Amino acid sequence: MTTDNTALAISALKALLGDRLSTGESIRDIHGRDEAYSTPALPDAVAFPESTQEVSEIMIICSQFKVPVVPFGIGTSLEGHVIPIHGGISVDTSRMNKVLVIHESDLDAVVQPGVSRTQLNAALRATGLMFTVDPGADATLGGMAATRASGTNTVRYGTMRENVMALEVVLPDGTIIQTGSRARKSSAGYDLTHLFVGSEGTLGIITELTVRLFGQPDAILAATCAFETVDNAVNTVIMAIQMGIPLARVELLDEIQIKGMNIFNPDLNLPEKPHLFLEFHGSDASVKEQVELFEGVGDEFGVTGFVWATKAEDRNRLWAARHNAYYAGKSLRKGCESIVTDCCVPVSELANCISRTKELIEEAGLIAPIVGHVGDGNFHLLILFDPNDPDEFIRAKSLASNVNRVALSFGGTVTGEHGVGTGKKEYMLEEHGDAYALMATLKRAIDPNNIMNPGKIVDIN
């Protein structure tokens, strides 16, 4: 229900934005959900700013009337980050989508938050440079920074944490600040840039990013290979990393996930065994050396069925299959819904953690394929359940909870990639202990009226 303050805020925002402030139900519905199995909640209105100054003026109005604000990129989050559980204004930054400047010599670019990763890479094509963070979805860079996204390239190129150098942020009271710089390092004060990277819109709205770029490799070679057990696949990767083989991508898919991928992609036709999807970057000579070294390691753990992809179209087909793992997993059971969860542990504990997770899946009597960015210890679970069976939903929720706590028991985190949102919030105290209270202190200092994406990550009184 729209409160008097919300109505006043909407009136003021309408005067500011005109038809770029929408109260239409269809627009609100799009901004009231994400891609996960989360309970939708509609905002009272959706704002479409086109400049940092407009974002600032929106925040001044919402601060004045103490109306909640939820930043929105493209809605690909998986833990309810963008769902306005307390109503208010959804601020959609999709129209702030300009690549502002590319500094080829310094290997960085300055972009607005609505720029998507594929848009940036298209703009970089002629420069010989690339932006490397690839979470699968064609997410916006503002959203990727806000959720500290990562993905298939992380093992070599890092997450958004390593690839965001500087930010422009609008604070809850409308103040515009710049954090960081284009310098490659700094010892000047608190690292405010990385306070906002991963803050999920609870501290401010990102309106500009400076991101790190890398040179496009001379040679790229991708492959799939199979193992008899998940342990063997993971141990191959652990040994390869310990040997210093610079893997660009290395993805684990268990036998259940492979079955789903064969159903969803009949041309794939992979043996239903645990697989690694691999990619090597470098010069022709270095890629050849990396491949030879990796094959030698794999032989020690019974690797079979190497299939190499040298042409760009074959590599793209391979990684498209990996990025469609969600839909492939759901093809294992018609009419199902799913709970998607992720966790991350030290790489040396990954095989043990996945082994225990598989035991939990069997105990729950559910289908839950596993995929993972095995090079950095992160894996994902797609827990399938019948939406018409309340008992299955309870078991699915319980399984997700148990996996989170198993990850903590192995010295890990309840989320390596998806973020906290509402879905992982209940585990934050268990993971962070007394440090969780400090997060609330920071939130209270920056957002005393608790209008920035309230109810996410941490609560304040």
Protein backbone atom coordinates (compact mmCIF):
# COMPACT_ATOMS: atom_id res chain seq x y z
CA MET A 1 0.00 0.00 0.00
CA THR A 2 1.37 3.42 -0.98
CA THR A 3 1.94 5.65 2.05
CA ASP A 4 1.40 9.41 2.12
CA ASN A 5 5.17 9.98 2.05
CA THR A 6 5.54 7.62 -0.91
CA ALA A 7 2.76 9.43 -2.77
CA LEU A 8 4.49 12.77 -2.16
CA ALA A 9 7.80 11.34 -3.34
CA ILE A 10 6.20 9.93 -6.48
CA SER A 11 4.63 13.32 -7.22
CA ALA A 12 8.01 15.05 -6.88
CA LEU A 13 9.75 12.40 -8.98
CA LYS A 14 7.09 12.73 -11.67
CA ALA A 15 7.81 16.45 -11.84
CA LEU A 16 11.53 15.66 -12.20
CA LEU A 17 11.38 12.79 -14.67
CA GLY A 18 8.07 13.07 -16.48
CA ASP A 19 7.24 9.85 -18.32
CA ARG A 20 10.52 8.33 -17.09
CA LEU A 21 8.76 7.73 -13.79
CA SER A 22 6.38 4.81 -14.24
CA THR A 23 3.65 3.52 -11.94
CA GLY A 24 2.31 1.09 -14.53
CA GLU A 25 1.73 -2.40 -13.19
CA SER A 26 3.59 -4.19 -15.99
CA ILE A 27 6.74 -2.09 -15.48
CA ARG A 28 6.51 -2.49 -11.71
CA ASP A 29 6.07 -6.24 -12.13
CA ILE A 30 9.31 -6.52 -14.16
CA HIS A 31 11.12 -4.69 -11.34
CA GLY A 32 9.54 -6.78 -8.61
CA ARG A 33 11.34 -10.05 -9.34
CA ASP A 34 14.71 -11.50 -10.30
CA GLU A 35 15.72 -14.79 -11.94
CA ALA A 36 15.53 -16.85 -8.76
CA TYR A 37 12.67 -18.57 -6.99
CA SER A 38 11.99 -15.55 -4.78
CA THR A 39 8.68 -14.10 -3.69
CA PRO A 40 7.95 -11.08 -5.92
CA ALA A 41 7.20 -7.67 -4.41
CA LEU A 42 6.31 -4.69 -6.55
CA PRO A 43 7.86 -1.24 -6.14
CA ASP A 44 5.47 1.70 -5.91
CA ALA A 45 7.13 3.27 -8.94
CA VAL A 46 10.10 2.81 -11.29
CA ALA A 47 12.48 5.66 -12.12
CA PHE A 48 14.63 5.72 -15.29
CA PRO A 49 17.38 8.31 -14.75
CA GLU A 50 19.72 9.26 -17.59
CA SER A 51 22.49 11.01 -15.65
CA THR A 52 24.31 11.03 -12.33
CA GLN A 53 22.70 14.37 -11.52
CA GLU A 54 19.24 12.86 -11.96
CA VAL A 55 20.16 9.96 -9.68
CA SER A 56 21.29 12.50 -7.10
CA GLU A 57 18.02 14.42 -7.34
CA ILE A 58 16.05 11.18 -7.04
CA MET A 59 17.96 10.33 -3.86
CA ILE A 60 17.42 13.82 -2.42
CA ILE A 61 13.66 13.42 -2.89
CA CYS A 62 13.54 9.89 -1.50
CA SER A 63 15.73 10.88 1.43
CA GLN A 64 13.44 13.81 2.20
CA PHE A 65 10.39 11.56 2.35
CA LYS A 66 12.26 8.53 3.76
CA VAL A 67 11.08 6.33 0.89
CA PRO A 68 12.97 3.07 0.13
CA VAL A 69 15.14 2.96 -2.99
CA VAL A 70 16.20 -0.24 -4.75
CA PRO A 71 18.80 0.04 -7.56
CA PHE A 72 18.04 -2.16 -10.59
CA GLY A 73 20.38 -3.18 -13.40
CA ILE A 74 18.86 -5.84 -15.61
CA GLY A 75 17.37 -8.19 -13.01
CA THR A 76 19.64 -11.21 -13.41
CA SER A 77 20.41 -11.59 -9.69
CA LEU A 78 19.63 -14.86 -7.92
CA GLU A 79 19.16 -14.04 -4.24
CA GLY A 80 16.36 -11.45 -4.32
CA HIS A 81 18.72 -8.45 -4.38
CA VAL A 82 16.50 -6.26 -6.57
CA ILE A 83 13.14 -7.20 -5.07
CA PRO A 84 11.69 -4.17 -3.23
CA ILE A 85 10.41 -6.05 -0.20
CA HIS A 86 9.43 -2.76 1.47
CA GLY A 87 8.06 -1.10 -1.66
CA GLY A 88 9.37 2.31 -2.63
CA ILE A 89 11.17 3.35 -5.79
CA SER A 90 13.07 1.02 -8.12
CA VAL A 91 15.84 3.04 -9.80
CA ASP A 92 16.56 1.42 -13.17
CA THR A 93 19.95 2.52 -14.53
CA SER A 94 19.57 0.82 -17.93
CA ARG A 95 19.42 4.17 -19.76
CA MET A 96 22.80 5.15 -18.33
CA ASN A 97 24.53 2.88 -20.81
CA LYS A 98 27.42 4.76 -22.38
CA VAL A 99 31.02 3.59 -22.67
CA LEU A 100 32.50 6.97 -21.71
CA VAL A 101 36.18 6.48 -22.53
CA ILE A 102 38.62 3.68 -23.29
CA HIS A 103 42.22 4.21 -22.21
CA GLU A 104 43.98 1.68 -24.42
CA SER A 105 47.50 2.45 -23.17
CA ASP A 106 46.47 2.11 -19.52
CA LEU A 107 44.23 -0.93 -20.03
CA ASP A 108 41.11 0.56 -18.45
CA ALA A 109 37.71 1.89 -19.43
CA VAL A 110 35.21 4.27 -17.83
CA VAL A 111 31.57 3.25 -18.24
CA GLN A 112 28.10 4.05 -16.96
CA PRO A 113 26.38 1.39 -14.83
CA GLY A 114 23.88 0.31 -17.49
CA VAL A 115 26.61 -0.89 -19.87
CA SER A 116 26.48 -4.67 -20.23
CA ARG A 117 29.60 -6.83 -20.38
CA THR A 118 28.93 -7.81 -24.01
CA GLN A 119 28.34 -4.17 -24.95
CA LEU A 120 31.70 -3.20 -23.47
CA ASN A 121 33.49 -6.05 -25.24
CA ALA A 122 31.87 -5.04 -28.54
CA ALA A 123 33.21 -1.52 -28.02
CA LEU A 124 36.66 -2.97 -27.28
CA ARG A 125 36.81 -5.29 -30.28
CA ALA A 126 38.97 -3.03 -32.47
CA THR A 127 41.39 -2.22 -29.63
CA GLY A 128 42.68 -5.74 -29.02
CA LEU A 129 41.48 -5.50 -25.41
CA MET A 130 38.80 -7.34 -23.47
CA PHE A 131 36.78 -7.11 -20.26
CA THR A 132 37.05 -10.49 -18.62
CA VAL A 133 34.43 -10.91 -15.87
CA ASP A 134 31.81 -13.29 -17.26
CA PRO A 135 29.00 -14.37 -14.90
CA GLY A 136 27.10 -16.04 -17.73
CA ALA A 137 24.17 -13.65 -17.89
CA ASP A 138 24.64 -10.48 -19.92
CA ALA A 139 24.47 -8.43 -16.75
CA THR A 140 25.13 -4.70 -16.41
CA LEU A 141 28.47 -3.64 -14.99
CA GLY A 142 26.78 -1.60 -12.27
CA GLY A 143 24.89 -4.66 -11.09
CA MET A 144 27.98 -6.83 -11.41
CA ALA A 145 29.94 -4.43 -9.21
CA ALA A 146 27.11 -4.16 -6.69
CA THR A 147 26.98 -7.95 -6.30
CA ARG A 148 30.77 -8.50 -6.62
CA ALA A 149 30.12 -10.81 -9.55
CA SER A 150 32.60 -13.28 -10.97
CA GLY A 151 32.30 -16.24 -13.32
CA THR A 152 34.07 -18.61 -15.63
CA ASN A 153 37.23 -16.51 -16.13
CA THR A 154 37.87 -15.87 -12.45
CA VAL A 155 40.65 -18.41 -12.00
CA ARG A 156 42.92 -16.32 -14.25
CA TYR A 157 41.48 -12.80 -14.39
CA GLY A 158 39.74 -12.33 -11.05
CA THR A 159 36.30 -11.14 -9.91
CA MET A 160 34.75 -7.67 -10.00
CA ARG A 161 36.67 -7.01 -6.79
CA GLU A 162 39.95 -7.19 -8.69
CA ASN A 163 38.64 -5.51 -11.85
CA VAL A 164 36.95 -2.37 -10.51
CA MET A 165 39.48 0.40 -10.01
CA ALA A 166 37.27 3.39 -9.23
CA LEU A 167 33.63 4.33 -8.79
CA GLU A 168 31.28 7.26 -8.83
CA VAL A 169 28.52 6.67 -6.27
CA VAL A 170 25.43 8.61 -5.24
CA LEU A 171 24.90 8.31 -1.49
CA PRO A 172 21.47 8.06 0.19
CA ASP A 173 21.29 11.83 0.78
CA GLY A 174 22.13 12.62 -2.85
CA THR A 175 25.82 13.39 -2.32
CA ILE A 176 27.97 12.37 -5.29
CA ILE A 177 31.37 10.89 -4.42
CA GLN A 178 34.31 9.44 -6.36
CA THR A 179 36.27 6.54 -4.92
CA GLY A 180 39.61 5.19 -6.10
CA SER A 181 41.46 6.36 -9.20
CA ARG A 182 42.90 5.12 -12.47
CA ALA A 183 46.26 4.55 -10.79
CA ARG A 184 47.16 0.88 -10.49
CA LYS A 185 47.76 1.15 -6.76
CA SER A 186 47.23 3.58 -3.89
CA SER A 187 47.93 3.81 -0.18
CA ALA A 188 45.72 6.88 0.28
CA GLY A 189 43.16 6.17 2.98
CA TYR A 190 40.32 3.69 3.31
CA ASP A 191 39.51 1.51 0.31
CA LEU A 192 36.05 2.93 -0.30
CA THR A 193 35.81 1.49 -3.80
CA HIS A 194 35.68 -2.02 -2.44
CA LEU A 195 33.28 -1.02 0.30
CA PHE A 196 30.73 -0.40 -2.45
CA VAL A 197 31.73 -3.39 -4.60
CA GLY A 198 29.49 -6.10 -3.18
CA SER A 199 27.28 -3.74 -1.15
CA GLU A 200 24.20 -4.77 -3.21
CA GLY A 201 22.75 -1.27 -3.35
CA THR A 202 22.49 -0.98 0.44
CA LEU A 203 24.93 1.96 0.69
CA GLY A 204 24.39 3.94 -2.52
CA ILE A 205 23.85 3.81 -6.28
CA ILE A 206 26.83 3.25 -8.56
CA THR A 207 26.69 5.75 -11.45
CA GLU A 208 30.12 5.29 -13.05
CA LEU A 209 32.82 2.62 -13.03
CA THR A 210 36.46 2.46 -14.05
CA VAL A 211 37.25 -1.15 -14.92
CA ARG A 212 40.44 -3.05 -15.72
CA LEU A 213 41.01 -4.46 -19.20
CA PHE A 214 43.27 -7.18 -20.55
CA GLY A 215 44.85 -7.86 -23.91
CA GLN A 216 43.12 -10.41 -26.11
CA PRO A 217 45.29 -13.55 -26.25
CA ASP A 218 46.95 -14.56 -29.51
CA ALA A 219 45.70 -18.13 -29.15
CA ILE A 220 42.67 -19.62 -27.39
CA LEU A 221 42.01 -23.33 -27.06
CA ALA A 222 39.00 -24.88 -25.33
CA ALA A 223 38.27 -28.49 -24.46
CA THR A 224 36.06 -30.90 -22.60
CA CYS A 225 37.27 -34.01 -20.82
CA ALA A 226 35.67 -36.69 -18.66
CA PHE A 227 36.53 -38.45 -15.39
CA GLU A 228 35.11 -41.41 -13.54
CA THR A 229 34.58 -39.39 -10.35
CA VAL A 230 34.17 -35.78 -9.27
CA ASP A 231 37.11 -36.26 -6.92
CA ASN A 232 39.40 -37.11 -9.82
CA ALA A 233 38.26 -34.08 -11.80
CA VAL A 234 38.77 -31.72 -8.86
CA ASN A 235 42.12 -33.23 -7.92
CA THR A 236 43.32 -32.76 -11.48
CA VAL A 237 42.55 -29.06 -11.23
CA ILE A 238 44.17 -28.73 -7.81
CA MET A 239 47.40 -30.28 -9.09
CA ALA A 240 47.32 -28.16 -12.26
CA ILE A 241 46.99 -24.98 -10.19
CA GLN A 242 49.77 -26.07 -7.84
CA MET A 243 51.99 -26.63 -10.87
CA GLY A 244 51.30 -23.09 -12.03
CA ILE A 245 49.43 -23.95 -15.23
CA PRO A 246 47.65 -20.64 -16.06
CA LEU A 247 44.16 -21.97 -16.74
CA ALA A 248 41.90 -19.28 -18.19
CA ARG A 249 38.68 -21.19 -17.51
CA VAL A 250 38.04 -24.49 -15.78
CA GLU A 251 34.47 -25.55 -15.06
CA LEU A 252 33.24 -28.69 -13.32
CA LEU A 253 29.97 -30.33 -14.33
CA ASP A 254 28.87 -33.45 -12.49
CA GLU A 255 27.29 -36.46 -14.20
CA ILE A 256 23.75 -35.26 -13.39
CA GLN A 257 24.40 -31.88 -14.98
CA ILE A 258 25.90 -33.55 -18.07
CA LYS A 259 22.75 -35.65 -18.42
CA GLY A 260 20.66 -32.48 -18.41
CA MET A 261 22.95 -30.79 -20.91
CA ASN A 262 22.62 -33.72 -23.31
CA ILE A 263 18.82 -33.43 -23.07
CA PHE A 264 18.89 -29.65 -23.59
CA ASN A 265 21.63 -29.78 -26.26
CA PRO A 266 21.21 -33.10 -28.14
CA ASP A 267 24.20 -32.30 -30.37
CA LEU A 268 26.48 -32.17 -27.33
CA ASN A 269 26.28 -35.94 -26.77
CA LEU A 270 28.81 -36.15 -23.92
CA PRO A 271 29.30 -39.31 -21.84
CA GLU A 272 27.31 -39.05 -18.60
CA LYS A 273 30.36 -38.66 -16.37
CA PRO A 274 31.83 -35.72 -14.43
CA HIS A 275 33.42 -33.32 -16.90
CA LEU A 276 35.78 -30.38 -16.97
CA PHE A 277 35.25 -27.61 -19.49
CA LEU A 278 38.61 -25.89 -20.06
CA GLU A 279 40.11 -22.92 -21.82
CA PHE A 280 43.73 -21.90 -22.30
CA HIS A 281 44.95 -18.42 -23.32
CA GLY A 282 48.34 -17.20 -24.51
CA SER A 283 50.70 -17.41 -27.46
CA ASP A 284 50.60 -20.44 -29.72
CA ALA A 285 53.68 -21.86 -27.99
CA SER A 286 52.46 -21.21 -24.44
CA VAL A 287 49.01 -22.66 -25.11
CA LYS A 288 50.60 -25.79 -26.54
CA GLU A 289 52.76 -26.10 -23.41
CA GLN A 290 49.76 -25.55 -21.10
CA VAL A 291 47.78 -28.25 -22.89
CA GLU A 292 50.60 -30.77 -22.71
CA LEU A 293 51.11 -30.13 -19.01
CA PHE A 294 47.40 -30.40 -18.27
CA GLU A 295 47.03 -33.62 -20.23
CA GLY A 296 49.90 -35.08 -18.21
CA VAL A 297 48.18 -34.17 -14.95
CA GLY A 298 44.86 -35.52 -16.18
CA ASP A 299 46.43 -38.85 -17.08
CA GLU A 300 47.34 -39.35 -13.42
CA PHE A 301 43.64 -39.14 -12.52
CA GLY A 302 42.20 -41.23 -15.35
CA VAL A 303 41.08 -38.48 -17.73
CA THR A 304 39.31 -39.66 -20.89
CA GLY A 305 37.59 -38.27 -23.94
CA PHE A 306 39.44 -35.03 -24.58
CA VAL A 307 37.54 -33.04 -27.23
CA TRP A 308 39.30 -29.90 -28.43
CA ALA A 309 37.68 -26.74 -29.83
CA THR A 310 40.06 -24.52 -31.77
CA LYS A 311 37.60 -22.56 -33.92
CA ALA A 312 35.81 -19.58 -32.39
CA GLU A 313 32.37 -20.94 -33.30
CA ASP A 314 33.14 -24.28 -31.59
CA ARG A 315 34.37 -22.51 -28.46
CA ASN A 316 31.31 -20.29 -28.42
CA ARG A 317 29.04 -23.32 -28.74
CA LEU A 318 30.85 -25.01 -25.86
CA TRP A 319 30.58 -22.02 -23.51
CA ALA A 320 27.01 -21.32 -24.55
CA ALA A 321 26.20 -24.85 -23.38
CA ARG A 322 27.90 -24.09 -20.05
CA HIS A 323 26.09 -20.77 -19.66
CA ASN A 324 22.78 -22.54 -20.31
CA ALA A 325 23.45 -24.97 -17.46
CA TYR A 326 20.45 -23.60 -15.54
CA TYR A 327 18.00 -24.46 -18.32
CA ALA A 328 19.77 -27.74 -19.00
CA GLY A 329 19.45 -28.71 -15.35
CA LYS A 330 15.75 -27.88 -15.33
CA SER A 331 15.24 -30.13 -18.36
CA LEU A 332 15.93 -33.10 -16.07
CA ARG A 333 12.45 -32.76 -14.63
CA LYS A 334 9.51 -31.30 -16.55
CA GLY A 335 7.38 -28.75 -14.74
CA CYS A 336 9.85 -28.34 -11.91
CA GLU A 337 10.90 -25.19 -10.10
CA SER A 338 14.36 -24.75 -8.66
CA ILE A 339 16.33 -23.24 -5.84
CA VAL A 340 19.72 -22.05 -7.03
CA THR A 341 22.44 -21.77 -4.43
CA ASP A 342 26.20 -21.41 -4.42
CA CYS A 343 29.05 -21.58 -1.94
CA CYS A 344 32.82 -21.40 -2.04
CA VAL A 345 35.55 -23.19 -0.10
CA PRO A 346 39.34 -23.36 -0.24
CA VAL A 347 40.23 -25.27 -3.40
CA SER A 348 41.95 -28.01 -1.37
CA GLU A 349 38.62 -28.71 0.38
CA LEU A 350 36.44 -28.62 -2.74
CA ALA A 351 36.40 -32.37 -3.45
CA ASN A 352 35.46 -33.15 0.17
CA CYS A 353 32.79 -30.44 0.22
CA ILE A 354 31.20 -31.64 -3.03
CA SER A 355 31.34 -35.25 -1.83
CA ARG A 356 29.46 -34.29 1.35
CA THR A 357 27.01 -32.24 -0.71
CA LYS A 358 26.23 -35.23 -2.90
CA GLU A 359 25.50 -37.25 0.23
CA LEU A 360 23.08 -34.55 1.38
CA ILE A 361 21.35 -34.55 -2.02
CA GLU A 362 20.85 -38.31 -1.82
CA GLU A 363 19.54 -38.07 1.75
CA ALA A 364 17.05 -35.41 0.64
CA GLY A 365 15.79 -37.61 -2.20
CA LEU A 366 16.06 -34.77 -4.71
CA ILE A 367 17.68 -34.09 -8.08
CA ALA A 368 20.32 -31.37 -7.79
CA PRO A 369 22.94 -31.09 -10.54
CA ILE A 370 26.25 -29.42 -9.65
CA VAL A 371 28.36 -27.03 -11.69
CA GLY A 372 31.36 -25.18 -10.39
CA HIS A 373 34.14 -22.71 -11.07
CA VAL A 374 36.41 -25.40 -9.77
CA GLY A 375 39.59 -23.33 -10.12
CA ASP A 376 38.52 -20.99 -7.33
CA GLY A 377 36.55 -23.40 -5.13
CA ASN A 378 33.09 -22.10 -6.07
CA PHE A 379 30.23 -24.45 -6.98
CA HIS A 380 26.53 -24.09 -7.70
CA LEU A 381 23.60 -26.34 -6.90
CA LEU A 382 20.34 -26.37 -8.87
CA ILE A 383 17.85 -28.01 -6.52
CA LEU A 384 14.77 -29.19 -8.43
CA PHE A 385 11.38 -29.61 -6.78
CA ASP A 386 7.71 -29.98 -7.64
CA PRO A 387 6.04 -26.58 -6.98
CA ASN A 388 2.81 -28.42 -6.13
CA ASP A 389 4.47 -30.53 -3.43
CA PRO A 390 5.01 -28.52 -0.21
CA ASP A 391 7.11 -31.31 1.30
CA GLU A 392 9.55 -31.23 -1.62
CA PHE A 393 9.89 -27.46 -1.29
CA ILE A 394 10.70 -27.82 2.41
CA ARG A 395 13.29 -30.51 1.63
CA ALA A 396 14.81 -28.32 -1.09
CA LYS A 397 15.11 -25.36 1.28
CA SER A 398 16.60 -27.59 3.95
CA LEU A 399 19.13 -29.00 1.49
CA ALA A 400 20.25 -25.50 0.48
CA SER A 401 20.64 -24.58 4.14
CA ASN A 402 22.64 -27.71 4.90
CA VAL A 403 25.00 -27.09 1.97
CA ASN A 404 25.65 -23.55 3.21
CA ARG A 405 26.62 -24.85 6.63
CA VAL A 406 28.79 -27.59 5.14
CA ALA A 407 30.70 -24.89 3.24
CA LEU A 408 31.25 -22.97 6.47
CA SER A 409 32.50 -26.14 8.15
CA PHE A 410 35.18 -26.43 5.45
CA GLY A 411 36.39 -22.89 6.07
CA GLY A 412 34.39 -21.40 3.21
CA THR A 413 31.63 -18.90 2.56
CA VAL A 414 27.89 -19.32 1.96
CA THR A 415 28.17 -17.46 -1.32
CA GLY A 416 31.14 -17.09 -3.62
CA GLU A 417 29.23 -15.42 -6.42
CA HIS A 418 25.47 -14.97 -6.08
CA GLY A 419 25.60 -12.56 -3.15
CA VAL A 420 23.48 -12.20 -0.03
CA GLY A 421 20.23 -10.43 -0.93
CA THR A 422 17.48 -11.95 1.17
CA GLY A 423 18.36 -15.56 0.36
CA LYS A 424 21.66 -15.79 2.27
CA LYS A 425 21.07 -13.15 4.92
CA GLU A 426 20.25 -15.63 7.68
CA TYR A 427 23.77 -17.09 7.49
CA MET A 428 25.66 -13.83 7.75
CA LEU A 429 26.12 -13.84 11.53
CA GLU A 430 27.23 -17.46 11.46
CA GLU A 431 29.84 -16.69 8.80
CA HIS A 432 31.10 -13.31 10.03
CA GLY A 433 30.65 -13.41 13.80
CA ASP A 434 31.31 -10.07 15.49
CA ALA A 435 32.32 -8.52 12.17
CA TYR A 436 28.67 -8.65 11.13
CA ALA A 437 27.87 -5.96 13.70
CA LEU A 438 30.48 -3.72 12.06
CA MET A 439 28.60 -4.05 8.76
CA ALA A 440 25.51 -2.70 10.53
CA THR A 441 27.58 0.17 11.94
CA LEU A 442 28.77 1.10 8.44
CA LYS A 443 25.25 0.86 7.04
CA ARG A 444 23.89 3.06 9.84
CA ALA A 445 26.59 5.68 9.31
CA ILE A 446 26.05 5.95 5.53
CA ASP A 447 22.30 5.31 5.41
CA PRO A 448 20.85 6.38 8.79
CA ASN A 449 17.28 6.43 7.44
CA ASN A 450 17.69 2.88 6.06
CA ILE A 451 16.25 3.76 2.66
CA MET A 452 18.86 2.01 0.48
CA ASN A 453 17.59 -1.46 -0.43
CA PRO A 454 16.37 -2.09 3.13
CA GLY A 455 16.21 -5.67 4.38
CA LYS A 456 19.22 -6.84 2.36
CA ILE A 457 22.59 -8.00 3.78
CA VAL A 458 22.10 -6.42 7.22
CA ASP A 459 19.31 -4.87 9.31
CA ILE A 460 19.65 -1.67 11.30
CA ASN A 461 17.29 -0.29 13.91
